[in-house]
Structure formats: C-alpha cells, structure tokens
Amino acid sequence: MSDNAPTYSLVEVQRVARLATVHRHKATRLIVERLGCSEPTAEALARGKLAALKPGNFVKADVQEFNPKIVADVYGLIDEDGGWFIKFYMENGRLFILSCHGPRWDLRCADGTVVKEQQP
C-alpha cells in the first residue's frame, strides 16, 4: 500500500455508504456546527458526501494513530456546502466515516484540485 494510492475500492465504499457508521465527534458534530442541521441530517449528509466522491478526489492513505493496523483513505470534496475533508476505512465489510469537516490545511487531490483550508 502506498500513501499515493487508495486503500479501498471507491466503488465498494459507495456501495455500502448508506450503511456507514459516522463518527460523532469528527463528523456528525462538526457538520451540525457548520450547517446548523440536526444530527440525523448530518449523518445523512456525511454518507451523501461519501457517495459523491470521485477517484480524482483522493488525497492520501493514512495510518491511524489509534490503531496502526488501520489505514484510512482521505479525500477532498468541494460541493454546494464548500470544501470537505473526508476520511474513512473499511473493516470486516463495514464502513466507518472517521472525519467529515472543513479541511484544517489545503488538500491536494489526485486530479490536481486544491480544497482550501477552512478558517475557524
């Protein structure tokens, strides 16, 4: 595995996106704060943003400090709500969205798009 190539098939990820477990602190709560929506809406938005990803949105594969056996894929997305940092991994056929929030630094995607850092 290279940090320049996705760990997971985006086709497979998107196939199970509607069933993804969404991390409460780094995804749901931050979407609620940013967009002023309810938690269920925020979880649906996170799953929808994952479903909207294209291969060119890939940024890097990232070994997780909380468990070095887990490698998460990081993608950048620009949509009608602005720029997004999206990080997820799959384990035993289940999909986990770890992060879905504004980027804390500029993200350079595989297709050359730069998703700009979101100012707090």
Foldseek 3Di string as FASTA:
>chain_A
DFFVADPDDLVLCLVCLVVAAEDCPAFQVQQCVLVVDDSVVSSVVLSVVSNPDDQQQWFTWAQDPVHNVWIWTWGWDQDPSAIWIWIWGDDPSHIYTHHTHFACAWTQTNNRDIRHGDDD
